[in-house]
């Protein structure tokens, strides 16, 4: 994990939140959704099976626990978890809290309307919220 480099498109489209045991946790720059991205620090990983089984389990542990906490906090109706990689090959996992009244419900968030970038105040609030939620989670084995 020492040669990890983040794809520039992930840098451009999201904000860093924190480093989890395996993944870098980032917030997508679309305030319409509580939308996080977990990027495993595994150089060259494109697909989940490119990682060791231990790393696969750790990624799902991190995504599940972070997603569960964020969904509960946001009062979400559904949690969408997906790896697509059609635009950015570097393995990354989207964790999105969905609500029945959100802009894209019941369809996918991709390609629905224009993203609503965070302003500085709402970005700071969301970042603080996610950090507080993550700080109380047991993310290791």
C-alpha atoms as a PDB file:
ATOM      1  CA  UNK A   1       0.000   0.000   0.000  1.00  0.00           C
ATOM      2  CA  UNK A   2       2.998   2.341   0.016  1.00  0.00           C
ATOM      3  CA  UNK A   3       2.798   3.343  -3.685  1.00  0.00           C
ATOM      4  CA  UNK A   4      -0.832   4.450  -3.532  1.00  0.00           C
ATOM      5  CA  UNK A   5      -1.740   7.334  -5.839  1.00  0.00           C
ATOM      6  CA  UNK A   6      -5.242   8.734  -6.201  1.00  0.00           C
ATOM      7  CA  UNK A   7      -6.754   9.110  -9.678  1.00  0.00           C
ATOM      8  CA  UNK A   8      -6.922  12.856 -10.522  1.00  0.00           C
ATOM      9  CA  UNK A   9     -10.639  12.605 -11.340  1.00  0.00           C
ATOM     10  CA  UNK A  10     -11.364  11.386  -7.822  1.00  0.00           C
ATOM     11  CA  UNK A  11      -9.338  14.309  -6.482  1.00  0.00           C
ATOM     12  CA  UNK A  12     -11.308  16.756  -8.652  1.00  0.00           C
ATOM     13  CA  UNK A  13     -14.760  15.341  -7.835  1.00  0.00           C
ATOM     14  CA  UNK A  14     -14.469  14.768  -4.088  1.00  0.00           C
ATOM     15  CA  UNK A  15     -13.079  16.046  -0.804  1.00  0.00           C
ATOM     16  CA  UNK A  16     -10.854  14.109   1.594  1.00  0.00           C
ATOM     17  CA  UNK A  17     -12.450  13.191   4.910  1.00  0.00           C
ATOM     18  CA  UNK A  18     -10.055  10.775   6.629  1.00  0.00           C
ATOM     19  CA  UNK A  19      -7.913   7.680   6.291  1.00  0.00           C
ATOM     20  CA  UNK A  20      -9.573   4.451   7.389  1.00  0.00           C
ATOM     21  CA  UNK A  21      -7.529   1.286   8.075  1.00  0.00           C
ATOM     22  CA  UNK A  22      -7.617   0.322   4.356  1.00  0.00           C
ATOM     23  CA  UNK A  23      -9.434   3.049   2.465  1.00  0.00           C
ATOM     24  CA  UNK A  24      -9.205   6.742   1.952  1.00  0.00           C
ATOM     25  CA  UNK A  25     -12.649   8.161   2.731  1.00  0.00           C
ATOM     26  CA  UNK A  26     -13.824  11.021   0.527  1.00  0.00           C
ATOM     27  CA  UNK A  27     -17.019  13.046   0.117  1.00  0.00           C
ATOM     28  CA  UNK A  28     -18.387  13.458  -3.408  1.00  0.00           C
ATOM     29  CA  UNK A  29     -18.957  17.096  -4.342  1.00  0.00           C
ATOM     30  CA  UNK A  30     -22.723  16.796  -4.803  1.00  0.00           C
ATOM     31  CA  UNK A  31     -24.690  18.139  -1.842  1.00  0.00           C
ATOM     32  CA  UNK A  32     -27.926  16.586  -3.140  1.00  0.00           C
ATOM     33  CA  UNK A  33     -26.863  13.274  -1.603  1.00  0.00           C
ATOM     34  CA  UNK A  34     -24.939  11.974   1.395  1.00  0.00           C
ATOM     35  CA  UNK A  35     -22.388  10.378  -0.943  1.00  0.00           C
ATOM     36  CA  UNK A  36     -19.083   8.963   0.188  1.00  0.00           C
ATOM     37  CA  UNK A  37     -16.360   7.197  -1.755  1.00  0.00           C
ATOM     38  CA  UNK A  38     -13.950   4.681  -0.255  1.00  0.00           C
ATOM     39  CA  UNK A  39     -10.730   4.160  -2.183  1.00  0.00           C
ATOM     40  CA  UNK A  40      -8.626   1.186  -1.035  1.00  0.00           C
ATOM     41  CA  UNK A  41      -4.948   2.070  -0.798  1.00  0.00           C
ATOM     42  CA  UNK A  42      -4.001  -0.891  -2.998  1.00  0.00           C
ATOM     43  CA  UNK A  43      -1.857   0.160  -5.931  1.00  0.00           C
ATOM     44  CA  UNK A  44      -3.156  -1.107  -9.267  1.00  0.00           C
ATOM     45  CA  UNK A  45      -6.498  -2.419  -7.968  1.00  0.00           C
ATOM     46  CA  UNK A  46      -9.225  -2.048 -10.583  1.00  0.00           C
ATOM     47  CA  UNK A  47     -11.601  -4.800  -9.491  1.00  0.00           C
ATOM     48  CA  UNK A  48     -12.422  -6.061  -6.011  1.00  0.00           C
ATOM     49  CA  UNK A  49     -10.744  -9.379  -6.857  1.00  0.00           C
ATOM     50  CA  UNK A  50      -7.471  -7.525  -7.480  1.00  0.00           C
ATOM     51  CA  UNK A  51      -7.118  -7.248  -3.701  1.00  0.00           C
ATOM     52  CA  UNK A  52      -6.277  -9.955  -1.201  1.00  0.00           C
ATOM     53  CA  UNK A  53      -9.219 -11.642   0.501  1.00  0.00           C
ATOM     54  CA  UNK A  54      -8.281  -9.897   3.750  1.00  0.00           C
ATOM     55  CA  UNK A  55      -8.338  -6.507   2.021  1.00  0.00           C
ATOM     56  CA  UNK A  56     -11.667  -7.342   0.358  1.00  0.00           C
ATOM     57  CA  UNK A  57     -13.164  -8.153   3.743  1.00  0.00           C
ATOM     58  CA  UNK A  58     -11.705  -4.981   5.242  1.00  0.00           C
ATOM     59  CA  UNK A  59     -13.118  -2.805   2.446  1.00  0.00           C
ATOM     60  CA  UNK A  60     -16.616  -4.256   2.915  1.00  0.00           C
ATOM     61  CA  UNK A  61     -16.304  -3.875   6.696  1.00  0.00           C
ATOM     62  CA  UNK A  62     -15.421  -0.203   6.304  1.00  0.00           C
ATOM     63  CA  UNK A  63     -18.158   0.437   3.724  1.00  0.00           C
ATOM     64  CA  UNK A  64     -20.813  -1.390   5.729  1.00  0.00           C
ATOM     65  CA  UNK A  65     -20.071   0.306   9.025  1.00  0.00           C
ATOM     66  CA  UNK A  66     -19.628   3.790   7.575  1.00  0.00           C
ATOM     67  CA  UNK A  67     -22.725   3.370   5.390  1.00  0.00           C
ATOM     68  CA  UNK A  68     -24.862   2.058   8.247  1.00  0.00           C
ATOM     69  CA  UNK A  69     -23.877   4.970  10.496  1.00  0.00           C
ATOM     70  CA  UNK A  70     -24.452   7.579   7.778  1.00  0.00           C
ATOM     71  CA  UNK A  71     -27.797   6.078   6.744  1.00  0.00           C
ATOM     72  CA  UNK A  72     -29.024   6.112  10.339  1.00  0.00           C
ATOM     73  CA  UNK A  73     -27.814   9.684  10.870  1.00  0.00           C
ATOM     74  CA  UNK A  74     -29.385  10.935   7.623  1.00  0.00           C
ATOM     75  CA  UNK A  75     -32.652   9.016   8.065  1.00  0.00           C
ATOM     76  CA  UNK A  76     -32.137   7.309   4.716  1.00  0.00           C
ATOM     77  CA  UNK A  77     -34.539   4.880   3.076  1.00  0.00           C
ATOM     78  CA  UNK A  78     -31.835   2.858   1.260  1.00  0.00           C
ATOM     79  CA  UNK A  79     -28.075   2.594   1.085  1.00  0.00           C
ATOM     80  CA  UNK A  80     -26.572   2.216  -2.383  1.00  0.00           C
ATOM     81  CA  UNK A  81     -23.106   0.638  -2.491  1.00  0.00           C
ATOM     82  CA  UNK A  82     -21.445   0.241  -5.875  1.00  0.00           C
ATOM     83  CA  UNK A  83     -18.168  -0.133  -7.717  1.00  0.00           C
ATOM     84  CA  UNK A  84     -18.529   0.988 -11.315  1.00  0.00           C
ATOM     85  CA  UNK A  85     -15.189   2.143 -12.649  1.00  0.00           C
ATOM     86  CA  UNK A  86     -16.408   2.947 -16.139  1.00  0.00           C
ATOM     87  CA  UNK A  87     -15.014   6.489 -15.979  1.00  0.00           C
ATOM     88  CA  UNK A  88     -12.317   5.997 -13.304  1.00  0.00           C
ATOM     89  CA  UNK A  89     -10.625   2.605 -13.442  1.00  0.00           C
ATOM     90  CA  UNK A  90      -9.015   2.885 -10.000  1.00  0.00           C
ATOM     91  CA  UNK A  91     -11.031   0.748  -7.597  1.00  0.00           C
ATOM     92  CA  UNK A  92     -13.375   2.903  -5.558  1.00  0.00           C
ATOM     93  CA  UNK A  93     -16.592   2.129  -3.761  1.00  0.00           C
ATOM     94  CA  UNK A  94     -19.533   4.525  -3.731  1.00  0.00           C
ATOM     95  CA  UNK A  95     -21.616   4.590  -0.542  1.00  0.00           C
ATOM     96  CA  UNK A  96     -24.729   6.717  -1.054  1.00  0.00           C
ATOM     97  CA  UNK A  97     -27.606   7.315   1.343  1.00  0.00           C
ATOM     98  CA  UNK A  98     -30.819   7.459  -0.660  1.00  0.00           C
ATOM     99  CA  UNK A  99     -34.148   8.986   0.318  1.00  0.00           C
ATOM    100  CA  UNK A 100     -37.470   8.508  -1.415  1.00  0.00           C
ATOM    101  CA  UNK A 101     -37.669  12.265  -1.956  1.00  0.00           C
ATOM    102  CA  UNK A 102     -34.142  12.736  -3.360  1.00  0.00           C
ATOM    103  CA  UNK A 103     -33.495  14.162  -6.818  1.00  0.00           C
ATOM    104  CA  UNK A 104     -32.982  10.799  -8.533  1.00  0.00           C
ATOM    105  CA  UNK A 105     -35.233   8.400  -6.592  1.00  0.00           C
ATOM    106  CA  UNK A 106     -35.819   5.597  -7.439  1.00  0.00           C
ATOM    107  CA  UNK A 107     -33.212   5.594 -10.204  1.00  0.00           C
ATOM    108  CA  UNK A 108     -29.431   5.733  -9.870  1.00  0.00           C
ATOM    109  CA  UNK A 109     -27.749   9.015  -8.953  1.00  0.00           C
ATOM    110  CA  UNK A 110     -25.433   8.913 -11.981  1.00  0.00           C
ATOM    111  CA  UNK A 111     -26.483  11.123 -14.877  1.00  0.00           C
ATOM    112  CA  UNK A 112     -29.429  12.654 -13.011  1.00  0.00           C
ATOM    113  CA  UNK A 113     -29.496  16.442 -13.225  1.00  0.00           C
ATOM    114  CA  UNK A 114     -26.625  18.747 -12.344  1.00  0.00           C
ATOM    115  CA  UNK A 115     -24.446  18.151  -9.314  1.00  0.00           C
ATOM    116  CA  UNK A 116     -24.928  20.719  -6.550  1.00  0.00           C
ATOM    117  CA  UNK A 117     -21.415  21.540  -5.310  1.00  0.00           C
ATOM    118  CA  UNK A 118     -20.927  22.100  -1.600  1.00  0.00           C
ATOM    119  CA  UNK A 119     -20.418  25.643  -0.377  1.00  0.00           C
ATOM    120  CA  UNK A 120     -17.702  26.097   2.254  1.00  0.00           C
ATOM    121  CA  UNK A 121     -20.102  26.071   5.194  1.00  0.00           C
ATOM    122  CA  UNK A 122     -22.101  22.992   4.197  1.00  0.00           C
ATOM    123  CA  UNK A 123     -18.879  21.181   3.228  1.00  0.00           C
ATOM    124  CA  UNK A 124     -17.411  21.828   6.673  1.00  0.00           C
ATOM    125  CA  UNK A 125     -20.633  20.681   8.338  1.00  0.00           C
ATOM    126  CA  UNK A 126     -20.819  17.461   6.320  1.00  0.00           C
ATOM    127  CA  UNK A 127     -17.123  16.733   6.826  1.00  0.00           C
ATOM    128  CA  UNK A 128     -17.490  17.224  10.601  1.00  0.00           C
ATOM    129  CA  UNK A 129     -20.597  15.006  10.627  1.00  0.00           C
ATOM    130  CA  UNK A 130     -18.872  12.159   8.802  1.00  0.00           C
ATOM    131  CA  UNK A 131     -15.750  12.443  10.955  1.00  0.00           C
ATOM    132  CA  UNK A 132     -17.846  12.280  14.111  1.00  0.00           C
ATOM    133  CA  UNK A 133     -19.715   9.219  12.834  1.00  0.00           C
ATOM    134  CA  UNK A 134     -16.534   7.427  11.774  1.00  0.00           C
ATOM    135  CA  UNK A 135     -14.695   8.190  15.011  1.00  0.00           C
ATOM    136  CA  UNK A 136     -17.134   6.010  16.947  1.00  0.00           C
ATOM    137  CA  UNK A 137     -16.877   2.978  14.653  1.00  0.00           C
ATOM    138  CA  UNK A 138     -14.802  -0.144  15.087  1.00  0.00           C
ATOM    139  CA  UNK A 139     -13.314  -0.519  11.603  1.00  0.00           C
ATOM    140  CA  UNK A 140     -10.576  -3.081  12.258  1.00  0.00           C
ATOM    141  CA  UNK A 141     -11.071  -6.827  12.493  1.00  0.00           C
END
